[in-house]
Amino acid sequence: MVSNLDLDQDNGQDISPEMEALQTPEGELYLRFHLPSQEEFALPAIAIREVMQQSPDRITPIPNASPLLLGTLNLRGQVIWVADLGQFLGNTVPLRTDRPEIPVIAVEEQDTLLGLAIDQLGDMEWLNIEELQAPNNVADHIAPYVQGEWLGENTHQVLRLLDQVAILRSARWAT
């Protein structure tokens, strides 16, 4: 058994820049993901209840429901709706459901829980909220759901931050 081990003790060794970045992250934590249109979006980690890979046969279609909804699934005894996020945002490319697993991000606000089906999960990343810019060239039908965007350095890559509360409270679900 090891005794008197102080992991926080400075033993005179320099900490590598990679380790220092891990120890002192800047910004807030976000989940990056892609839609079938290849657009990249992010959601704040604090709004995400769970990220899962669901078999399409675990999502039960509901007759006469909005075409934006793929159906429902049982999340540990709680039935939640699963929506095609790309279709909700107006993408013409539908989510491919003929695959072994569909990534679903369960977002929550107060007592409302919704599964957002996406094309591909990305990484969790610390992003600086101060670098968030006003949305540029965003179509009117998705503008209410985009809080801002980060621009990639030396690239034209845009990462858009979605507003999960606006998505959950949208009247579009009733259509």
Protein backbone atom coordinates (compact mmCIF):
# COMPACT_ATOMS: atom_id res chain seq x y z
CA MET A 1 0.00 0.00 0.00
CA VAL A 2 1.29 3.44 -0.90
CA SER A 3 1.19 6.10 1.76
CA ASN A 4 1.79 9.85 1.80
CA LEU A 5 1.23 10.13 -1.91
CA ASP A 6 0.31 13.68 -2.85
CA LEU A 7 -0.72 13.84 -6.50
CA ASP A 8 -1.01 17.63 -6.44
CA GLN A 9 2.52 18.09 -5.13
CA ASP A 10 4.85 20.01 -7.44
CA ASN A 11 7.97 17.91 -7.79
CA GLY A 12 9.79 20.40 -9.97
CA GLN A 13 8.92 18.73 -13.26
CA ASP A 14 7.35 20.77 -16.03
CA ILE A 15 3.88 19.81 -17.17
CA SER A 16 3.54 19.24 -20.88
CA PRO A 17 1.31 21.74 -22.76
CA GLU A 18 -1.09 18.91 -23.64
CA MET A 19 -1.54 17.96 -19.98
CA GLU A 20 -1.90 21.60 -18.96
CA ALA A 21 -4.68 22.04 -21.53
CA LEU A 22 -6.45 19.01 -20.05
CA GLN A 23 -6.13 20.39 -16.55
CA THR A 24 -7.31 23.92 -17.35
CA PRO A 25 -9.91 23.82 -20.13
CA GLU A 26 -11.20 27.15 -21.37
CA GLY A 27 -14.75 27.81 -22.45
CA GLU A 28 -17.72 25.51 -22.16
CA LEU A 29 -18.19 21.87 -23.14
CA TYR A 30 -20.14 21.11 -26.34
CA LEU A 31 -21.01 18.02 -28.37
CA ARG A 32 -20.25 18.34 -32.08
CA PHE A 33 -22.23 16.35 -34.65
CA HIS A 34 -23.17 16.20 -38.34
CA LEU A 35 -26.48 16.04 -40.14
CA PRO A 36 -27.01 14.14 -43.44
CA SER A 37 -26.42 17.45 -45.29
CA GLN A 38 -22.83 17.33 -43.89
CA GLU A 39 -23.45 20.52 -41.89
CA GLU A 40 -21.80 20.53 -38.48
CA PHE A 41 -23.63 21.67 -35.35
CA ALA A 42 -23.02 21.72 -31.60
CA LEU A 43 -25.17 21.47 -28.49
CA PRO A 44 -24.11 22.48 -24.97
CA ALA A 45 -23.21 19.46 -22.85
CA ILE A 46 -25.31 20.70 -19.95
CA ALA A 47 -28.46 20.40 -22.11
CA ILE A 48 -27.76 16.79 -23.06
CA ARG A 49 -29.22 14.07 -20.89
CA GLU A 50 -27.77 11.17 -22.86
CA VAL A 51 -26.11 10.23 -26.15
CA MET A 52 -26.94 6.80 -27.50
CA GLN A 53 -26.74 4.59 -30.56
CA GLN A 54 -30.16 3.09 -31.26
CA SER A 55 -31.08 0.25 -33.56
CA PRO A 56 -33.78 1.45 -35.98
CA ASP A 57 -36.07 -1.38 -34.87
CA ARG A 58 -36.03 0.05 -31.30
CA ILE A 59 -37.68 3.24 -32.60
CA THR A 60 -41.42 2.59 -32.89
CA PRO A 61 -43.16 4.59 -35.63
CA ILE A 62 -46.38 6.30 -34.55
CA PRO A 63 -49.20 6.58 -37.13
CA ASN A 64 -50.43 10.10 -37.97
CA ALA A 65 -47.52 11.75 -36.12
CA SER A 66 -45.60 14.67 -37.58
CA PRO A 67 -43.33 13.60 -40.45
CA LEU A 68 -40.47 15.18 -38.49
CA LEU A 69 -40.81 12.44 -35.87
CA LEU A 70 -39.30 9.01 -36.48
CA GLY A 71 -41.26 7.52 -33.58
CA THR A 72 -40.74 6.72 -29.92
CA LEU A 73 -38.23 4.71 -27.93
CA ASN A 74 -38.06 3.37 -24.43
CA LEU A 75 -35.25 5.01 -22.47
CA ARG A 76 -35.01 2.96 -19.26
CA GLY A 77 -38.77 2.93 -18.75
CA GLN A 78 -39.45 6.43 -20.07
CA VAL A 79 -40.99 6.74 -23.53
CA ILE A 80 -39.48 9.60 -25.53
CA TRP A 81 -40.08 10.94 -29.03
CA VAL A 82 -37.26 10.69 -31.54
CA ALA A 83 -37.05 13.40 -34.19
CA ASP A 84 -35.07 13.68 -37.42
CA LEU A 85 -33.14 16.85 -36.55
CA GLY A 86 -32.09 17.44 -40.15
CA GLN A 87 -35.69 17.36 -41.37
CA PHE A 88 -36.71 19.63 -38.50
CA LEU A 89 -34.08 22.16 -39.62
CA GLY A 90 -35.35 21.98 -43.19
CA ASN A 91 -32.74 19.74 -44.80
CA THR A 92 -33.93 17.98 -47.93
CA VAL A 93 -31.60 15.04 -47.30
CA PRO A 94 -33.48 12.57 -45.06
CA LEU A 95 -31.76 10.67 -42.29
CA ARG A 96 -30.66 7.22 -43.42
CA THR A 97 -32.42 4.72 -41.18
CA ASP A 98 -31.33 1.56 -43.03
CA ARG A 99 -28.20 1.08 -40.95
CA PRO A 100 -27.38 -0.89 -37.82
CA GLU A 101 -27.49 2.09 -35.44
CA ILE A 102 -28.74 5.67 -35.46
CA PRO A 103 -27.06 8.24 -33.19
CA VAL A 104 -29.62 9.92 -30.92
CA ILE A 105 -28.97 12.88 -28.62
CA ALA A 106 -31.51 13.14 -25.81
CA VAL A 107 -31.93 16.81 -24.88
CA GLU A 108 -33.86 17.98 -21.87
CA GLU A 109 -35.33 21.25 -20.65
CA GLN A 110 -37.41 21.22 -17.48
CA ASP A 111 -39.73 18.21 -17.87
CA THR A 112 -39.47 17.95 -21.65
CA LEU A 113 -37.22 15.26 -23.14
CA LEU A 114 -36.68 14.70 -26.87
CA GLY A 115 -34.35 12.43 -28.83
CA LEU A 116 -32.66 14.14 -31.79
CA ALA A 117 -31.61 11.64 -34.45
CA ILE A 118 -28.52 12.76 -36.37
CA ASP A 119 -26.21 11.36 -39.02
CA GLN A 120 -22.88 11.23 -37.19
CA LEU A 121 -21.60 12.02 -33.71
CA GLY A 122 -18.51 14.15 -33.32
CA ASP A 123 -16.36 14.86 -30.31
CA MET A 124 -16.97 16.64 -27.05
CA GLU A 125 -15.00 19.86 -27.20
CA TRP A 126 -14.30 22.87 -25.01
CA LEU A 127 -15.27 25.94 -27.03
CA ASN A 128 -14.80 29.56 -26.07
CA ILE A 129 -18.21 31.23 -25.94
CA GLU A 130 -16.51 34.61 -26.42
CA GLU A 131 -15.51 33.52 -29.93
CA LEU A 132 -19.13 32.77 -30.83
CA GLN A 133 -20.24 35.03 -33.67
CA ALA A 134 -23.67 36.06 -34.86
CA PRO A 135 -25.09 33.57 -37.37
CA ASN A 136 -24.21 34.46 -40.97
CA ASN A 137 -26.01 33.18 -44.08
CA VAL A 138 -28.50 31.15 -42.05
CA ALA A 139 -31.78 30.34 -43.76
CA ASP A 140 -34.81 32.04 -42.21
CA HIS A 141 -36.48 28.73 -41.30
CA ILE A 142 -33.58 27.65 -39.06
CA ALA A 143 -32.50 31.08 -37.76
CA PRO A 144 -34.65 30.80 -34.58
CA TYR A 145 -32.76 27.63 -33.62
CA VAL A 146 -29.18 28.86 -34.19
CA GLN A 147 -27.59 30.87 -31.36
CA GLY A 148 -24.36 31.62 -33.19
CA GLU A 149 -21.41 30.08 -34.97
CA TRP A 150 -17.72 29.47 -34.64
CA LEU A 151 -15.56 29.85 -37.72
CA GLY A 152 -12.68 27.44 -38.24
CA GLU A 153 -9.22 28.95 -38.39
CA ASN A 154 -7.91 29.26 -41.98
CA THR A 155 -10.91 27.31 -43.27
CA HIS A 156 -14.43 28.03 -44.32
CA GLN A 157 -15.74 25.43 -41.88
CA VAL A 158 -18.63 26.71 -39.77
CA LEU A 159 -19.79 25.13 -36.52
CA ARG A 160 -23.28 26.32 -35.58
CA LEU A 161 -24.52 26.31 -32.01
CA LEU A 162 -28.13 25.14 -31.69
CA ASP A 163 -30.58 26.38 -29.09
CA GLN A 164 -32.10 23.21 -27.61
CA VAL A 165 -34.80 25.17 -25.74
CA ALA A 166 -36.04 26.77 -28.98
CA ILE A 167 -36.05 23.34 -30.64
CA LEU A 168 -37.98 21.72 -27.79
CA ARG A 169 -40.55 24.53 -27.63
CA SER A 170 -41.05 24.85 -31.39
CA ALA A 171 -44.56 24.83 -32.80
CA ARG A 172 -43.17 22.88 -35.79
CA TRP A 173 -43.69 19.62 -33.88
CA ALA A 174 -47.45 20.01 -34.18
CA THR A 175 -47.41 20.04 -37.98
